[in-house]
Amino acid sequence: GRIEARVRGYLADNDFLMVDPPGLQRSPGNETHL
């Protein structure tokens, strides 16, 4: 939890917008070994 708080603070300080993409997709990715 402390690490997550530091990371979120760093992203906020550097003007990153936190987004929440959906997990459910038509394609999960197209790499051979995933």
PDB file of all heavy atoms in Angstrom:
ATOM      1  N   GLY A   1       0.811  -1.214   0.000  1.00  0.00           N
ATOM      2  CA  GLY A   1       0.000   0.000   0.000  1.00  0.00           C
ATOM      3  C   GLY A   1       0.844   1.264   0.000  1.00  0.00           C
ATOM      4  O   GLY A   1       0.501   2.249  -0.674  1.00  0.00           O
ATOM      5  N   ARG A   2       1.947   1.256   0.734  1.00  0.00           N
ATOM      6  CA  ARG A   2       2.825   2.438   0.755  1.00  0.00           C
ATOM      7  C   ARG A   2       3.472   2.655  -0.612  1.00  0.00           C
ATOM      8  O   ARG A   2       3.605   3.801  -1.068  1.00  0.00           O
ATOM      9  CB  ARG A   2       3.901   2.278   1.839  1.00  0.00           C
ATOM     10  CG  ARG A   2       3.344   2.249   3.264  1.00  0.00           C
ATOM     11  CD  ARG A   2       4.444   2.464   4.288  1.00  0.00           C
ATOM     12  NE  ARG A   2       5.476   1.435   4.248  1.00  0.00           N
ATOM     13  CZ  ARG A   2       5.434   0.280   4.903  1.00  0.00           C
ATOM     14  NH1 ARG A   2       4.362  -0.018   5.635  1.00  0.00           N
ATOM     15  NH2 ARG A   2       6.437  -0.579   4.833  1.00  0.00           N
ATOM     16  N   ILE A   3       3.879   1.569  -1.242  1.00  0.00           N
ATOM     17  CA  ILE A   3       4.474   1.696  -2.580  1.00  0.00           C
ATOM     18  C   ILE A   3       3.442   2.237  -3.564  1.00  0.00           C
ATOM     19  O   ILE A   3       3.743   3.141  -4.360  1.00  0.00           O
ATOM     20  CB  ILE A   3       5.024   0.338  -3.054  1.00  0.00           C
ATOM     21  CG1 ILE A   3       6.182  -0.108  -2.164  1.00  0.00           C
ATOM     22  CG2 ILE A   3       5.459   0.411  -4.519  1.00  0.00           C
ATOM     23  CD1 ILE A   3       6.621  -1.543  -2.399  1.00  0.00           C
ATOM     24  N   GLU A   4       2.230   1.715  -3.505  1.00  0.00           N
ATOM     25  CA  GLU A   4       1.183   2.195  -4.413  1.00  0.00           C
ATOM     26  C   GLU A   4       0.923   3.685  -4.202  1.00  0.00           C
ATOM     27  O   GLU A   4       0.764   4.443  -5.173  1.00  0.00           O
ATOM     28  CB  GLU A   4      -0.109   1.411  -4.206  1.00  0.00           C
ATOM     29  CG  GLU A   4      -1.238   1.883  -5.111  1.00  0.00           C
ATOM     30  CD  GLU A   4      -2.512   1.084  -4.970  1.00  0.00           C
ATOM     31  OE1 GLU A   4      -2.466  -0.051  -4.468  1.00  0.00           O
ATOM     32  OE2 GLU A   4      -3.577   1.614  -5.375  1.00  0.00           O
ATOM     33  N   ALA A   5       0.902   4.130  -2.957  1.00  0.00           N
ATOM     34  CA  ALA A   5       0.663   5.551  -2.676  1.00  0.00           C
ATOM     35  C   ALA A   5       1.771   6.409  -3.270  1.00  0.00           C
ATOM     36  O   ALA A   5       1.508   7.483  -3.838  1.00  0.00           O
ATOM     37  CB  ALA A   5       0.553   5.768  -1.169  1.00  0.00           C
ATOM     38  N   ARG A   6       3.036   5.950  -3.131  1.00  0.00           N
ATOM     39  CA  ARG A   6       4.164   6.711  -3.707  1.00  0.00           C
ATOM     40  C   ARG A   6       4.061   6.771  -5.226  1.00  0.00           C
ATOM     41  O   ARG A   6       4.323   7.822  -5.832  1.00  0.00           O
ATOM     42  CB  ARG A   6       5.484   6.053  -3.299  1.00  0.00           C
ATOM     43  CG  ARG A   6       5.855   6.177  -1.834  1.00  0.00           C
ATOM     44  CD  ARG A   6       6.284   7.598  -1.464  1.00  0.00           C
ATOM     45  NE  ARG A   6       6.824   7.643  -0.118  1.00  0.00           N
ATOM     46  CZ  ARG A   6       8.109   7.722   0.199  1.00  0.00           C
ATOM     47  NH1 ARG A   6       9.014   7.772  -0.775  1.00  0.00           N
ATOM     48  NH2 ARG A   6       8.510   7.758   1.450  1.00  0.00           N
ATOM     49  N   VAL A   7       3.701   5.656  -5.842  1.00  0.00           N
ATOM     50  CA  VAL A   7       3.594   5.619  -7.300  1.00  0.00           C
ATOM     51  C   VAL A   7       2.483   6.541  -7.785  1.00  0.00           C
ATOM     52  O   VAL A   7       2.667   7.318  -8.738  1.00  0.00           O
ATOM     53  CB  VAL A   7       3.349   4.171  -7.779  1.00  0.00           C
ATOM     54  CG1 VAL A   7       2.958   4.156  -9.258  1.00  0.00           C
ATOM     55  CG2 VAL A   7       4.590   3.318  -7.545  1.00  0.00           C
ATOM     56  N   ARG A   8       1.333   6.480  -7.129  1.00  0.00           N
ATOM     57  CA  ARG A   8       0.228   7.355  -7.527  1.00  0.00           C
ATOM     58  C   ARG A   8       0.607   8.823  -7.329  1.00  0.00           C
ATOM     59  O   ARG A   8       0.244   9.680  -8.149  1.00  0.00           O
ATOM     60  CB  ARG A   8      -1.031   7.005  -6.733  1.00  0.00           C
ATOM     61  CG  ARG A   8      -1.658   5.669  -7.146  1.00  0.00           C
ATOM     62  CD  ARG A   8      -2.976   5.422  -6.424  1.00  0.00           C
ATOM     63  NE  ARG A   8      -3.582   4.144  -6.772  1.00  0.00           N
ATOM     64  CZ  ARG A   8      -4.346   3.942  -7.831  1.00  0.00           C
ATOM     65  NH1 ARG A   8      -4.613   4.953  -8.663  1.00  0.00           N
ATOM     66  NH2 ARG A   8      -4.866   2.747  -8.082  1.00  0.00           N
ATOM     67  N   GLY A   9       1.344   9.105  -6.274  1.00  0.00           N
ATOM     68  CA  GLY A   9       1.791  10.473  -6.049  1.00  0.00           C
ATOM     69  C   GLY A   9       2.732  10.948  -7.142  1.00  0.00           C
ATOM     70  O   GLY A   9       2.632  12.086  -7.615  1.00  0.00           O
ATOM     71  N   TYR A  10       3.649  10.076  -7.564  1.00  0.00           N
ATOM     72  CA  TYR A  10       4.576  10.419  -8.641  1.00  0.00           C
ATOM     73  C   TYR A  10       3.816  10.712  -9.933  1.00  0.00           C
ATOM     74  O   TYR A  10       4.111  11.701 -10.631  1.00  0.00           O
ATOM     75  CB  TYR A  10       5.561   9.268  -8.868  1.00  0.00           C
ATOM     76  CG  TYR A  10       6.470   9.465 -10.050  1.00  0.00           C
ATOM     77  CD1 TYR A  10       7.658  10.168  -9.928  1.00  0.00           C
ATOM     78  CD2 TYR A  10       6.135   8.952 -11.310  1.00  0.00           C
ATOM     79  CE1 TYR A  10       8.497  10.361 -11.032  1.00  0.00           C
ATOM     80  CE2 TYR A  10       6.963   9.138 -12.405  1.00  0.00           C
ATOM     81  CZ  TYR A  10       8.136   9.840 -12.263  1.00  0.00           C
ATOM     82  OH  TYR A  10       8.958  10.041 -13.361  1.00  0.00           O
ATOM     83  N   LEU A  11       2.865   9.866 -10.260  1.00  0.00           N
ATOM     84  CA  LEU A  11       2.099  10.064 -11.495  1.00  0.00           C
ATOM     85  C   LEU A  11       1.294  11.362 -11.443  1.00  0.00           C
ATOM     86  O   LEU A  11       1.234  12.111 -12.429  1.00  0.00           O
ATOM     87  CB  LEU A  11       1.177   8.875 -11.730  1.00  0.00           C
ATOM     88  CG  LEU A  11       1.889   7.546 -12.017  1.00  0.00           C
ATOM     89  CD1 LEU A  11       0.900   6.384 -11.974  1.00  0.00           C
ATOM     90  CD2 LEU A  11       2.607   7.582 -13.364  1.00  0.00           C
ATOM     91  N   ALA A  12       0.702  11.651 -10.295  1.00  0.00           N
ATOM     92  CA  ALA A  12      -0.061  12.902 -10.152  1.00  0.00           C
ATOM     93  C   ALA A  12       0.863  14.111 -10.276  1.00  0.00           C
ATOM     94  O   ALA A  12       0.520  15.106 -10.937  1.00  0.00           O
ATOM     95  CB  ALA A  12      -0.790  12.915  -8.819  1.00  0.00           C
ATOM     96  N   ASP A  13       2.028  14.036  -9.643  1.00  0.00           N
ATOM     97  CA  ASP A  13       2.975  15.157  -9.691  1.00  0.00           C
ATOM     98  C   ASP A  13       3.489  15.413 -11.097  1.00  0.00           C
ATOM     99  O   ASP A  13       3.948  16.527 -11.405  1.00  0.00           O
ATOM    100  CB  ASP A  13       4.158  14.889  -8.759  1.00  0.00           C
ATOM    101  CG  ASP A  13       3.774  14.944  -7.291  1.00  0.00           C
ATOM    102  OD1 ASP A  13       2.690  15.478  -6.972  1.00  0.00           O
ATOM    103  OD2 ASP A  13       4.556  14.440  -6.455  1.00  0.00           O
ATOM    104  N   ASN A  14       3.451  14.372 -11.950  1.00  0.00           N
ATOM    105  CA  ASN A  14       3.930  14.508 -13.329  1.00  0.00           C
ATOM    106  C   ASN A  14       2.786  14.600 -14.333  1.00  0.00           C
ATOM    107  O   ASN A  14       2.978  14.345 -15.528  1.00  0.00           O
ATOM    108  CB  ASN A  14       4.862  13.342 -13.665  1.00  0.00           C
ATOM    109  CG  ASN A  14       6.222  13.475 -13.001  1.00  0.00           C
ATOM    110  OD1 ASN A  14       7.107  14.138 -13.535  1.00  0.00           O
ATOM    111  ND2 ASN A  14       6.377  12.888 -11.831  1.00  0.00           N
ATOM    112  N   ASP A  15       1.612  14.998 -13.834  1.00  0.00           N
ATOM    113  CA  ASP A  15       0.464  15.329 -14.685  1.00  0.00           C
ATOM    114  C   ASP A  15      -0.098  14.163 -15.478  1.00  0.00           C
ATOM    115  O   ASP A  15      -0.634  14.336 -16.583  1.00  0.00           O
ATOM    116  CB  ASP A  15       0.827  16.481 -15.647  1.00  0.00           C
ATOM    117  CG  ASP A  15       1.223  17.742 -14.917  1.00  0.00           C
ATOM    118  OD1 ASP A  15       0.606  18.043 -13.887  1.00  0.00           O
ATOM    119  OD2 ASP A  15       2.172  18.410 -15.356  1.00  0.00           O
ATOM    120  N   PHE A  16       0.006  12.964 -14.915  1.00  0.00           N
ATOM    121  CA  PHE A  16      -0.655  11.819 -15.539  1.00  0.00           C
ATOM    122  C   PHE A  16      -2.094  11.733 -15.060  1.00  0.00           C
ATOM    123  O   PHE A  16      -2.383  11.923 -13.873  1.00  0.00           O
ATOM    124  CB  PHE A  16       0.073  10.516 -15.186  1.00  0.00           C
ATOM    125  CG  PHE A  16       1.354  10.302 -15.946  1.00  0.00           C
ATOM    126  CD1 PHE A  16       2.563  10.764 -15.434  1.00  0.00           C
ATOM    127  CD2 PHE A  16       1.352   9.652 -17.167  1.00  0.00           C
ATOM    128  CE1 PHE A  16       3.749  10.568 -16.124  1.00  0.00           C
ATOM    129  CE2 PHE A  16       2.535   9.450 -17.873  1.00  0.00           C
ATOM    130  CZ  PHE A  16       3.738   9.920 -17.352  1.00  0.00           C
ATOM    131  N   LEU A  17      -2.980  11.437 -15.979  1.00  0.00           N
ATOM    132  CA  LEU A  17      -4.380  11.211 -15.661  1.00  0.00           C
ATOM    133  C   LEU A  17      -4.586   9.713 -15.478  1.00  0.00           C
ATOM    134  O   LEU A  17      -4.273   8.922 -16.369  1.00  0.00           O
ATOM    135  CB  LEU A  17      -5.259  11.726 -16.800  1.00  0.00           C
ATOM    136  CG  LEU A  17      -6.774  11.512 -16.669  1.00  0.00           C
ATOM    137  CD1 LEU A  17      -7.324  12.317 -15.495  1.00  0.00           C
ATOM    138  CD2 LEU A  17      -7.459  11.904 -17.979  1.00  0.00           C
ATOM    139  N   MET A  18      -5.093   9.299 -14.306  1.00  0.00           N
ATOM    140  CA  MET A  18      -5.364   7.886 -14.075  1.00  0.00           C
ATOM    141  C   MET A  18      -6.649   7.496 -14.801  1.00  0.00           C
ATOM    142  O   MET A  18      -7.689   8.145 -14.637  1.00  0.00           O
ATOM    143  CB  MET A  18      -5.499   7.598 -12.584  1.00  0.00           C
ATOM    144  CG  MET A  18      -4.229   7.827 -11.772  1.00  0.00           C
ATOM    145  SD  MET A  18      -2.812   6.798 -12.285  1.00  0.00           S
ATOM    146  CE  MET A  18      -3.406   5.137 -11.906  1.00  0.00           C
ATOM    147  N   VAL A  19      -6.552   6.449 -15.626  1.00  0.00           N
ATOM    148  CA  VAL A  19      -7.713   5.958 -16.381  1.00  0.00           C
ATOM    149  C   VAL A  19      -8.009   4.520 -15.951  1.00  0.00           C
ATOM    150  O   VAL A  19      -7.193   3.860 -15.319  1.00  0.00           O
ATOM    151  CB  VAL A  19      -7.461   6.054 -17.905  1.00  0.00           C
ATOM    152  CG1 VAL A  19      -7.215   7.497 -18.318  1.00  0.00           C
ATOM    153  CG2 VAL A  19      -6.288   5.170 -18.330  1.00  0.00           C
ATOM    154  N   ASP A  20      -9.178   4.034 -16.316  1.00  0.00           N
ATOM    155  CA  ASP A  20      -9.637   2.725 -15.848  1.00  0.00           C
ATOM    156  C   ASP A  20     -10.177   1.914 -17.022  1.00  0.00           C
ATOM    157  O   ASP A  20     -11.387   1.816 -17.222  1.00  0.00           O
ATOM    158  CB  ASP A  20     -10.710   2.919 -14.775  1.00  0.00           C
ATOM    159  CG  ASP A  20     -11.109   1.623 -14.099  1.00  0.00           C
ATOM    160  OD1 ASP A  20     -10.357   0.639 -14.211  1.00  0.00           O
ATOM    161  OD2 ASP A  20     -12.182   1.591 -13.457  1.00  0.00           O
ATOM    162  N   PRO A  21      -9.294   1.300 -17.818  1.00  0.00           N
ATOM    163  CA  PRO A  21      -9.748   0.545 -18.998  1.00  0.00           C
ATOM    164  C   PRO A  21     -10.508  -0.715 -18.587  1.00  0.00           C
ATOM    165  O   PRO A  21     -10.222  -1.316 -17.548  1.00  0.00           O
ATOM    166  CB  PRO A  21      -8.439   0.179 -19.705  1.00  0.00           C
ATOM    167  CG  PRO A  21      -7.397   1.071 -19.104  1.00  0.00           C
ATOM    168  CD  PRO A  21      -7.840   1.325 -17.703  1.00  0.00           C
ATOM    169  N   PRO A  22     -11.453  -1.153 -19.402  1.00  0.00           N
ATOM    170  CA  PRO A  22     -12.189  -2.392 -19.094  1.00  0.00           C
ATOM    171  C   PRO A  22     -11.326  -3.621 -19.337  1.00  0.00           C
ATOM    172  O   PRO A  22     -10.508  -3.661 -20.262  1.00  0.00           O
ATOM    173  CB  PRO A  22     -13.365  -2.347 -20.072  1.00  0.00           C
ATOM    174  CG  PRO A  22     -12.845  -1.565 -21.241  1.00  0.00           C
ATOM    175  CD  PRO A  22     -11.922  -0.530 -20.657  1.00  0.00           C
ATOM    176  N   GLY A  23     -11.537  -4.637 -18.512  1.00  0.00           N
ATOM    177  CA  GLY A  23     -10.807  -5.882 -18.699  1.00  0.00           C
ATOM    178  C   GLY A  23     -11.371  -6.737 -19.815  1.00  0.00           C
ATOM    179  O   GLY A  23     -10.662  -7.531 -20.425  1.00  0.00           O
ATOM    180  N   LEU A  24     -12.643  -6.589 -20.120  1.00  0.00           N
ATOM    181  CA  LEU A  24     -13.323  -7.420 -21.118  1.00  0.00           C
ATOM    182  C   LEU A  24     -13.122  -6.820 -22.510  1.00  0.00           C
ATOM    183  O   LEU A  24     -13.475  -5.666 -22.753  1.00  0.00           O
ATOM    184  CB  LEU A  24     -14.811  -7.500 -20.771  1.00  0.00           C
ATOM    185  CG  LEU A  24     -15.617  -8.668 -21.337  1.00  0.00           C
ATOM    186  CD1 LEU A  24     -15.041 -10.001 -20.892  1.00  0.00           C
ATOM    187  CD2 LEU A  24     -17.076  -8.533 -20.926  1.00  0.00           C
ATOM    188  N   GLN A  25     -12.574  -7.623 -23.419  1.00  0.00           N
ATOM    189  CA  GLN A  25     -12.195  -7.123 -24.738  1.00  0.00           C
ATOM    190  C   GLN A  25     -12.539  -8.131 -25.831  1.00  0.00           C
ATOM    191  O   GLN A  25     -12.636  -9.331 -25.581  1.00  0.00           O
ATOM    192  CB  GLN A  25     -10.680  -6.858 -24.783  1.00  0.00           C
ATOM    193  CG  GLN A  25     -10.182  -5.831 -23.792  1.00  0.00           C
ATOM    194  CD  GLN A  25     -10.529  -4.409 -24.190  1.00  0.00           C
ATOM    195  OE1 GLN A  25     -10.685  -4.110 -25.376  1.00  0.00           O
ATOM    196  NE2 GLN A  25     -10.623  -3.525 -23.200  1.00  0.00           N
ATOM    197  N   ARG A  26     -12.685  -7.628 -27.068  1.00  0.00           N
ATOM    198  CA  ARG A  26     -12.856  -8.530 -28.212  1.00  0.00           C
ATOM    199  C   ARG A  26     -11.549  -9.248 -28.546  1.00  0.00           C
ATOM    200  O   ARG A  26     -11.556 -10.371 -29.041  1.00  0.00           O
ATOM    201  CB  ARG A  26     -13.331  -7.751 -29.441  1.00  0.00           C
ATOM    202  CG  ARG A  26     -14.780  -7.295 -29.369  1.00  0.00           C
ATOM    203  CD  ARG A  26     -15.276  -6.855 -30.735  1.00  0.00           C
ATOM    204  NE  ARG A  26     -16.674  -6.468 -30.703  1.00  0.00           N
ATOM    205  CZ  ARG A  26     -17.093  -5.226 -30.507  1.00  0.00           C
ATOM    206  NH1 ARG A  26     -16.213  -4.256 -30.332  1.00  0.00           N
ATOM    207  NH2 ARG A  26     -18.389  -4.954 -30.478  1.00  0.00           N
ATOM    208  N   SER A  27     -10.430  -8.566 -28.322  1.00  0.00           N
ATOM    209  CA  SER A  27      -9.114  -9.176 -28.535  1.00  0.00           C
ATOM    210  C   SER A  27      -8.277  -8.943 -27.289  1.00  0.00           C
ATOM    211  O   SER A  27      -8.186  -7.809 -26.808  1.00  0.00           O
ATOM    212  CB  SER A  27      -8.422  -8.569 -29.754  1.00  0.00           C
ATOM    213  OG  SER A  27      -7.096  -9.091 -29.877  1.00  0.00           O
ATOM    214  N   PRO A  28      -7.632  -9.995 -26.783  1.00  0.00           N
ATOM    215  CA  PRO A  28      -6.862  -9.828 -25.555  1.00  0.00           C
ATOM    216  C   PRO A  28      -5.445  -9.347 -25.781  1.00  0.00           C
ATOM    217  O   PRO A  28      -4.686  -9.121 -24.842  1.00  0.00           O
ATOM    218  CB  PRO A  28      -6.841 -11.248 -24.986  1.00  0.00           C
ATOM    219  CG  PRO A  28      -6.796 -12.111 -26.212  1.00  0.00           C
ATOM    220  CD  PRO A  28      -7.656 -11.396 -27.236  1.00  0.00           C
ATOM    221  N   GLY A  29      -5.057  -9.192 -27.048  1.00  0.00           N
ATOM    222  CA  GLY A  29      -3.671  -8.929 -27.419  1.00  0.00           C
ATOM    223  C   GLY A  29      -3.263  -9.965 -28.447  1.00  0.00           C
ATOM    224  O   GLY A  29      -3.850 -11.052 -28.525  1.00  0.00           O
ATOM    225  N   ASN A  30      -2.265  -9.645 -29.258  1.00  0.00           N
ATOM    226  CA  ASN A  30      -1.936 -10.519 -30.383  1.00  0.00           C
ATOM    227  C   ASN A  30      -0.454 -10.877 -30.423  1.00  0.00           C
ATOM    228  O   ASN A  30       0.184 -10.802 -31.473  1.00  0.00           O
ATOM    229  CB  ASN A  30      -2.359  -9.867 -31.696  1.00  0.00           C
ATOM    230  CG  ASN A  30      -3.851  -9.657 -31.792  1.00  0.00           C
ATOM    231  OD1 ASN A  30      -4.344  -8.546 -31.665  1.00  0.00           O
ATOM    232  ND2 ASN A  30      -4.592 -10.738 -32.003  1.00  0.00           N
ATOM    233  N   GLU A  31       0.083 -11.281 -29.287  1.00  0.00           N
ATOM    234  CA  GLU A  31       1.454 -11.769 -29.243  1.00  0.00           C
ATOM    235  C   GLU A  31       1.439 -13.288 -29.121  1.00  0.00           C
ATOM    236  O   GLU A  31       0.619 -13.866 -28.395  1.00  0.00           O
ATOM    237  CB  GLU A  31       2.210 -11.125 -28.078  1.00  0.00           C
ATOM    238  CG  GLU A  31       2.385  -9.618 -28.257  1.00  0.00           C
ATOM    239  CD  GLU A  31       3.204  -8.981 -27.146  1.00  0.00           C
ATOM    240  OE1 GLU A  31       4.281  -9.520 -26.823  1.00  0.00           O
ATOM    241  OE2 GLU A  31       2.754  -7.960 -26.587  1.00  0.00           O
ATOM    242  N   THR A  32       2.360 -13.933 -29.796  1.00  0.00           N
ATOM    243  CA  THR A  32       2.358 -15.389 -29.925  1.00  0.00           C
ATOM    244  C   THR A  32       2.249 -16.112 -28.594  1.00  0.00           C
ATOM    245  O   THR A  32       1.449 -17.041 -28.431  1.00  0.00           O
ATOM    246  CB  THR A  32       3.634 -15.853 -30.651  1.00  0.00           C
ATOM    247  OG1 THR A  32       3.675 -15.271 -31.961  1.00  0.00           O
ATOM    248  CG2 THR A  32       3.655 -17.375 -30.781  1.00  0.00           C
ATOM    249  N   HIS A  33       3.055 -15.712 -27.620  1.00  0.00           N
ATOM    250  CA  HIS A  33       3.191 -16.497 -26.399  1.00  0.00           C
ATOM    251  C   HIS A  33       2.362 -15.957 -25.231  1.00  0.00           C
ATOM    252  O   HIS A  33       2.543 -16.419 -24.096  1.00  0.00           O
ATOM    253  CB  HIS A  33       4.667 -16.585 -26.011  1.00  0.00           C
ATOM    254  CG  HIS A  33       5.530 -17.166 -27.088  1.00  0.00           C
ATOM    255  ND1 HIS A  33       5.436 -18.481 -27.489  1.00  0.00           N
ATOM    256  CD2 HIS A  33       6.485 -16.592 -27.876  1.00  0.00           C
ATOM    257  CE1 HIS A  33       6.305 -18.699 -28.471  1.00  0.00           C
ATOM    258  NE2 HIS A  33       6.949 -17.578 -28.716  1.00  0.00           N
ATOM    259  N   LEU A  34       1.485 -15.006 -25.489  1.00  0.00           N
ATOM    260  CA  LEU A  34       0.568 -14.550 -24.456  1.00  0.00           C
ATOM    261  C   LEU A  34      -0.754 -15.297 -24.606  1.00  0.00           C
ATOM    262  O   LEU A  34      -1.343 -15.319 -25.688  1.00  0.00           O
ATOM    263  CB  LEU A  34       0.331 -13.038 -24.550  1.00  0.00           C
ATOM    264  CG  LEU A  34       1.498 -12.143 -24.158  1.00  0.00           C
ATOM    265  CD1 LEU A  34       1.081 -10.680 -24.191  1.00  0.00           C
ATOM    266  CD2 LEU A  34       2.046 -12.506 -22.785  1.00  0.00           C
TER     267      LEU A  34
END
